[in-house]
Amino acid sequence: MITRIMLYVDDVDMNVEFWTEEFGGKVVARQTLNGGYQNVIVSISSGTELSIFPKDYIRIYLPEVDETVPSLMFFSDDFNRLHDELISAGEISEVNGVLNFNFQDPEGNYFVVAKS
C-alpha cells in the first residue's frame, strides 16, 4: 500500500527540489492540470508519495479544498544523517522515548522526523 499526501504550495518547482535533494525523493509523475498548472508526484519512501499541487490551481479549480498544510511526522532509519544535512533541522529532543527534530520546507512549513 502506498500513502499519497497532497501538499498545496506556492512554488511547486522549489518544493519538488527540496523533497528530492534533501530527502532523496524521486519524481514519479508530472501531470498537466487545467489552466496549464503542474502537479508533481514525488516518492519519498517505498510507501509514501507527496503529490505537490500549486495553491493557485486549488483556489481556482477546487475552492472547496482546504489549503492547510498537514502536520506530518516522518520516521527514518537515517535520522542522524538527516539531522546533520538538513539546513533547517531543529534541536533533537526526546518525546515519550522517541528522538525527533523538526525542520522547515522552503515555504516555512514545519514537519517532524523521528528516529525509527
N, C-alpha and C. Protein backbone atom coordinates (compact mmCIF):
# COMPACT_ATOMS: atom_id res chain seq x y z
N MET A 1 0.84 -1.18 0.00
CA MET A 1 0.00 0.00 0.00
C MET A 1 0.89 1.24 0.00
N ILE A 2 0.48 2.22 -0.78
CA ILE A 2 1.19 3.49 -0.83
C ILE A 2 0.28 4.57 -0.27
N THR A 3 0.83 5.42 0.56
CA THR A 3 0.10 6.59 1.05
C THR A 3 0.57 7.78 0.24
N ARG A 4 -0.39 8.51 -0.35
CA ARG A 4 -0.07 9.71 -1.11
C ARG A 4 -0.66 10.89 -0.36
N ILE A 5 0.21 11.82 0.00
CA ILE A 5 -0.19 13.02 0.74
C ILE A 5 -0.18 14.19 -0.22
N MET A 6 -1.27 14.93 -0.26
CA MET A 6 -1.36 16.08 -1.15
C MET A 6 -0.90 17.32 -0.40
N LEU A 7 0.10 18.00 -0.98
CA LEU A 7 0.61 19.24 -0.42
C LEU A 7 0.29 20.38 -1.38
N TYR A 8 -0.24 21.46 -0.86
CA TYR A 8 -0.58 22.63 -1.66
C TYR A 8 0.44 23.71 -1.35
N VAL A 9 1.17 24.15 -2.36
CA VAL A 9 2.31 25.05 -2.16
C VAL A 9 2.24 26.24 -3.11
N ASP A 10 2.99 27.27 -2.80
CA ASP A 10 3.08 28.44 -3.67
C ASP A 10 3.97 28.18 -4.87
N ASP A 11 5.07 27.43 -4.67
CA ASP A 11 6.05 27.20 -5.72
C ASP A 11 6.33 25.70 -5.83
N VAL A 12 5.72 25.06 -6.81
CA VAL A 12 5.85 23.61 -6.99
C VAL A 12 7.30 23.21 -7.25
N ASP A 13 7.98 23.89 -8.18
CA ASP A 13 9.34 23.50 -8.53
C ASP A 13 10.29 23.59 -7.34
N MET A 14 10.16 24.65 -6.55
CA MET A 14 11.02 24.82 -5.38
C MET A 14 10.79 23.70 -4.37
N ASN A 15 9.54 23.31 -4.18
CA ASN A 15 9.24 22.24 -3.24
C ASN A 15 9.66 20.88 -3.76
N VAL A 16 9.51 20.64 -5.04
CA VAL A 16 9.98 19.37 -5.62
C VAL A 16 11.49 19.27 -5.43
N GLU A 17 12.20 20.36 -5.69
CA GLU A 17 13.65 20.37 -5.50
C GLU A 17 14.01 20.06 -4.04
N PHE A 18 13.29 20.66 -3.10
CA PHE A 18 13.56 20.42 -1.68
C PHE A 18 13.38 18.94 -1.33
N TRP A 19 12.25 18.34 -1.69
CA TRP A 19 11.98 16.96 -1.31
C TRP A 19 12.88 15.96 -2.03
N THR A 20 13.33 16.30 -3.24
CA THR A 20 14.22 15.38 -3.95
C THR A 20 15.66 15.53 -3.47
N GLU A 21 16.11 16.75 -3.25
CA GLU A 21 17.50 16.95 -2.83
C GLU A 21 17.72 16.64 -1.35
N GLU A 22 16.83 17.08 -0.50
CA GLU A 22 17.02 16.90 0.95
C GLU A 22 16.65 15.51 1.44
N PHE A 23 15.67 14.88 0.80
CA PHE A 23 15.19 13.58 1.26
C PHE A 23 15.44 12.45 0.28
N GLY A 24 16.10 12.77 -0.83
CA GLY A 24 16.39 11.73 -1.81
C GLY A 24 15.15 11.23 -2.53
N GLY A 25 14.10 12.05 -2.55
CA GLY A 25 12.87 11.66 -3.22
C GLY A 25 13.07 11.55 -4.73
N LYS A 26 12.18 10.84 -5.36
CA LYS A 26 12.22 10.64 -6.81
C LYS A 26 10.90 11.10 -7.42
N VAL A 27 11.00 11.90 -8.48
CA VAL A 27 9.79 12.31 -9.19
C VAL A 27 9.28 11.08 -9.94
N VAL A 28 8.03 10.70 -9.65
CA VAL A 28 7.46 9.51 -10.30
C VAL A 28 6.41 9.89 -11.34
N ALA A 29 5.92 11.12 -11.30
CA ALA A 29 4.94 11.55 -12.30
C ALA A 29 4.82 13.07 -12.30
N ARG A 30 4.54 13.59 -13.48
CA ARG A 30 4.21 15.01 -13.67
C ARG A 30 2.91 15.02 -14.45
N GLN A 31 1.96 15.80 -13.96
CA GLN A 31 0.67 15.86 -14.61
C GLN A 31 0.34 17.31 -14.93
N THR A 32 -0.11 17.55 -16.16
CA THR A 32 -0.56 18.88 -16.53
C THR A 32 -2.04 18.97 -16.18
N LEU A 33 -2.37 20.00 -15.43
CA LEU A 33 -3.74 20.21 -14.96
C LEU A 33 -4.42 21.30 -15.78
N ASN A 34 -5.69 21.51 -15.55
CA ASN A 34 -6.41 22.62 -16.18
C ASN A 34 -5.63 23.91 -15.99
N GLY A 35 -5.68 24.77 -17.00
CA GLY A 35 -5.02 26.06 -16.90
C GLY A 35 -3.52 26.00 -17.07
N GLY A 36 -2.98 24.82 -17.43
CA GLY A 36 -1.54 24.67 -17.61
C GLY A 36 -0.75 24.49 -16.33
N TYR A 37 -1.45 24.34 -15.20
CA TYR A 37 -0.75 24.11 -13.93
C TYR A 37 -0.14 22.72 -13.91
N GLN A 38 0.87 22.53 -13.07
CA GLN A 38 1.55 21.24 -12.94
C GLN A 38 1.36 20.65 -11.55
N ASN A 39 1.11 19.35 -11.51
CA ASN A 39 1.10 18.56 -10.28
C ASN A 39 2.28 17.61 -10.41
N VAL A 40 3.12 17.53 -9.38
CA VAL A 40 4.28 16.64 -9.41
C VAL A 40 4.17 15.67 -8.24
N ILE A 41 4.36 14.39 -8.54
CA ILE A 41 4.31 13.36 -7.51
C ILE A 41 5.74 12.91 -7.22
N VAL A 42 6.12 13.01 -5.95
CA VAL A 42 7.46 12.66 -5.50
C VAL A 42 7.36 11.50 -4.52
N SER A 43 8.06 10.43 -4.81
CA SER A 43 8.13 9.29 -3.89
C SER A 43 9.27 9.56 -2.91
N ILE A 44 8.95 9.56 -1.61
CA ILE A 44 10.00 9.81 -0.62
C ILE A 44 10.36 8.56 0.18
N SER A 45 9.60 7.49 -0.02
CA SER A 45 9.94 6.18 0.55
C SER A 45 9.13 5.13 -0.21
N SER A 46 9.35 3.87 0.09
CA SER A 46 8.66 2.82 -0.66
C SER A 46 7.15 2.87 -0.47
N GLY A 47 6.68 3.51 0.58
CA GLY A 47 5.24 3.55 0.83
C GLY A 47 4.65 4.94 0.91
N THR A 48 5.43 5.96 0.62
CA THR A 48 4.93 7.34 0.79
C THR A 48 5.27 8.20 -0.41
N GLU A 49 4.24 8.86 -0.92
CA GLU A 49 4.41 9.82 -2.01
C GLU A 49 3.80 11.15 -1.62
N LEU A 50 4.40 12.21 -2.12
CA LEU A 50 3.86 13.56 -1.96
C LEU A 50 3.35 14.00 -3.33
N SER A 51 2.10 14.44 -3.38
CA SER A 51 1.51 14.96 -4.60
C SER A 51 1.46 16.48 -4.41
N ILE A 52 2.33 17.18 -5.11
CA ILE A 52 2.54 18.60 -4.88
C ILE A 52 1.76 19.42 -5.91
N PHE A 53 0.78 20.17 -5.41
CA PHE A 53 -0.10 20.99 -6.24
C PHE A 53 0.16 22.47 -5.99
N PRO A 54 -0.01 23.32 -7.00
CA PRO A 54 0.07 24.76 -6.77
C PRO A 54 -1.21 25.27 -6.10
N LYS A 55 -1.04 26.11 -5.10
CA LYS A 55 -2.20 26.69 -4.40
C LYS A 55 -3.09 27.46 -5.36
N ASP A 56 -2.51 28.14 -6.34
CA ASP A 56 -3.32 28.89 -7.30
C ASP A 56 -4.32 27.98 -8.01
N TYR A 57 -3.87 26.80 -8.38
CA TYR A 57 -4.76 25.84 -9.03
C TYR A 57 -5.91 25.47 -8.10
N ILE A 58 -5.59 25.17 -6.85
CA ILE A 58 -6.60 24.77 -5.87
C ILE A 58 -7.63 25.89 -5.70
N ARG A 59 -7.14 27.13 -5.59
CA ARG A 59 -8.05 28.27 -5.39
C ARG A 59 -9.02 28.45 -6.56
N ILE A 60 -8.54 28.20 -7.77
CA ILE A 60 -9.37 28.40 -8.96
C ILE A 60 -10.30 27.21 -9.23
N TYR A 61 -9.75 26.01 -9.23
CA TYR A 61 -10.49 24.85 -9.67
C TYR A 61 -11.11 24.01 -8.55
N LEU A 62 -10.60 24.14 -7.34
CA LEU A 62 -11.12 23.37 -6.21
C LEU A 62 -11.25 24.26 -4.97
N PRO A 63 -12.03 25.32 -5.06
CA PRO A 63 -12.09 26.28 -3.94
C PRO A 63 -12.63 25.68 -2.65
N GLU A 64 -13.31 24.55 -2.73
CA GLU A 64 -13.84 23.92 -1.52
C GLU A 64 -12.76 23.18 -0.73
N VAL A 65 -11.58 22.97 -1.32
CA VAL A 65 -10.50 22.24 -0.66
C VAL A 65 -9.73 23.16 0.27
N ASP A 66 -9.51 22.70 1.48
CA ASP A 66 -8.75 23.45 2.47
C ASP A 66 -7.27 23.40 2.11
N GLU A 67 -6.62 24.55 2.06
CA GLU A 67 -5.20 24.62 1.68
C GLU A 67 -4.25 24.38 2.86
N THR A 68 -4.77 24.10 4.03
CA THR A 68 -3.93 23.94 5.20
C THR A 68 -2.90 22.84 4.98
N VAL A 69 -1.67 23.12 5.39
CA VAL A 69 -0.59 22.14 5.27
C VAL A 69 -0.76 21.11 6.39
N PRO A 70 -0.74 19.83 6.05
CA PRO A 70 -0.90 18.82 7.11
C PRO A 70 0.32 18.76 8.02
N SER A 71 0.08 18.34 9.24
CA SER A 71 1.16 18.13 10.19
C SER A 71 1.69 16.72 9.95
N LEU A 72 2.91 16.62 9.44
CA LEU A 72 3.46 15.32 9.07
C LEU A 72 4.64 14.95 9.95
N MET A 73 4.72 13.67 10.28
CA MET A 73 5.85 13.11 11.03
C MET A 73 6.40 11.95 10.21
N PHE A 74 7.68 12.05 9.87
CA PHE A 74 8.35 11.01 9.11
C PHE A 74 9.24 10.21 10.06
N PHE A 75 9.26 8.90 9.92
CA PHE A 75 10.14 8.05 10.71
C PHE A 75 11.28 7.60 9.80
N SER A 76 12.51 7.71 10.28
CA SER A 76 13.66 7.44 9.43
C SER A 76 14.73 6.63 10.13
N ASP A 77 15.31 5.68 9.39
CA ASP A 77 16.49 4.96 9.85
C ASP A 77 17.74 5.82 9.69
N ASP A 78 17.65 6.85 8.82
CA ASP A 78 18.76 7.79 8.58
C ASP A 78 18.61 9.05 9.43
N PHE A 79 18.08 8.92 10.61
CA PHE A 79 17.76 10.04 11.48
C PHE A 79 18.94 10.99 11.68
N ASN A 80 20.09 10.45 12.08
CA ASN A 80 21.25 11.32 12.35
C ASN A 80 21.77 12.01 11.10
N ARG A 81 21.81 11.30 9.99
CA ARG A 81 22.26 11.90 8.74
C ARG A 81 21.32 13.03 8.33
N LEU A 82 20.02 12.78 8.40
CA LEU A 82 19.06 13.83 8.04
C LEU A 82 19.23 15.05 8.93
N HIS A 83 19.40 14.82 10.22
CA HIS A 83 19.57 15.96 11.13
C HIS A 83 20.82 16.75 10.78
N ASP A 84 21.89 16.06 10.46
CA ASP A 84 23.15 16.73 10.13
C ASP A 84 23.07 17.47 8.79
N GLU A 85 22.31 16.95 7.84
CA GLU A 85 22.31 17.51 6.49
C GLU A 85 21.21 18.52 6.21
N LEU A 86 20.11 18.45 6.94
CA LEU A 86 19.03 19.41 6.72
C LEU A 86 19.40 20.77 7.30
N ILE A 87 19.47 21.76 6.45
CA ILE A 87 19.85 23.10 6.90
C ILE A 87 18.91 23.63 7.96
N SER A 88 17.62 23.33 7.83
CA SER A 88 16.63 23.88 8.74
C SER A 88 16.32 22.97 9.94
N ALA A 89 17.13 21.92 10.15
CA ALA A 89 16.86 20.98 11.25
C ALA A 89 16.95 21.69 12.60
N GLY A 90 15.93 21.43 13.43
CA GLY A 90 15.92 21.97 14.78
C GLY A 90 16.69 21.08 15.73
N GLU A 91 16.63 21.42 16.99
CA GLU A 91 17.30 20.64 18.02
C GLU A 91 16.65 19.26 18.16
N ILE A 92 17.46 18.26 18.46
CA ILE A 92 16.94 16.92 18.73
C ILE A 92 16.35 16.93 20.13
N SER A 93 15.16 16.36 20.25
CA SER A 93 14.54 16.22 21.56
C SER A 93 13.98 14.81 21.69
N GLU A 94 13.56 14.48 22.87
CA GLU A 94 13.00 13.16 23.12
C GLU A 94 11.58 13.33 23.63
N VAL A 95 10.65 12.67 22.98
CA VAL A 95 9.25 12.71 23.39
C VAL A 95 8.77 11.28 23.55
N ASN A 96 8.38 10.93 24.75
CA ASN A 96 7.92 9.56 25.05
C ASN A 96 8.93 8.51 24.60
N GLY A 97 10.22 8.80 24.81
CA GLY A 97 11.28 7.86 24.49
C GLY A 97 11.69 7.82 23.03
N VAL A 98 11.14 8.70 22.20
CA VAL A 98 11.45 8.72 20.77
C VAL A 98 12.20 10.01 20.43
N LEU A 99 13.39 9.87 19.82
CA LEU A 99 14.15 11.04 19.40
C LEU A 99 13.50 11.64 18.17
N ASN A 100 13.43 12.97 18.13
CA ASN A 100 12.85 13.64 16.98
C ASN A 100 13.41 15.05 16.84
N PHE A 101 13.20 15.64 15.68
CA PHE A 101 13.53 17.04 15.44
C PHE A 101 12.57 17.57 14.38
N ASN A 102 12.40 18.88 14.38
CA ASN A 102 11.56 19.47 13.34
C ASN A 102 12.44 20.11 12.27
N PHE A 103 11.82 20.42 11.14
CA PHE A 103 12.52 21.09 10.05
C PHE A 103 11.49 21.89 9.27
N GLN A 104 11.97 22.83 8.47
CA GLN A 104 11.10 23.65 7.64
C GLN A 104 11.30 23.34 6.16
N ASP A 105 10.21 23.39 5.41
CA ASP A 105 10.33 23.31 3.96
C ASP A 105 10.62 24.72 3.45
N PRO A 106 10.81 24.91 2.15
CA PRO A 106 11.18 26.22 1.63
C PRO A 106 10.12 27.30 1.86
N GLU A 107 8.89 26.90 2.16
CA GLU A 107 7.83 27.88 2.38
C GLU A 107 7.56 28.13 3.85
N GLY A 108 8.43 27.57 4.73
CA GLY A 108 8.31 27.83 6.16
C GLY A 108 7.38 26.91 6.92
N ASN A 109 6.91 25.84 6.29
CA ASN A 109 6.05 24.88 6.97
C ASN A 109 6.92 23.93 7.78
N TYR A 110 6.49 23.60 8.99
CA TYR A 110 7.25 22.71 9.86
C TYR A 110 6.74 21.27 9.76
N PHE A 111 7.71 20.35 9.74
CA PHE A 111 7.42 18.92 9.78
C PHE A 111 8.37 18.30 10.80
N VAL A 112 8.16 17.03 11.11
CA VAL A 112 8.97 16.35 12.14
C VAL A 112 9.56 15.06 11.57
N VAL A 113 10.80 14.78 11.98
CA VAL A 113 11.43 13.49 11.69
C VAL A 113 11.68 12.82 13.03
N ALA A 114 11.27 11.57 13.15
CA ALA A 114 11.51 10.78 14.35
C ALA A 114 12.41 9.61 13.99
N LYS A 115 13.17 9.17 14.98
CA LYS A 115 14.07 8.04 14.75
C LYS A 115 13.29 6.74 14.77
N SER A 116 13.50 5.91 13.72
CA SER A 116 12.82 4.62 13.63
C SER A 116 13.35 3.69 14.68
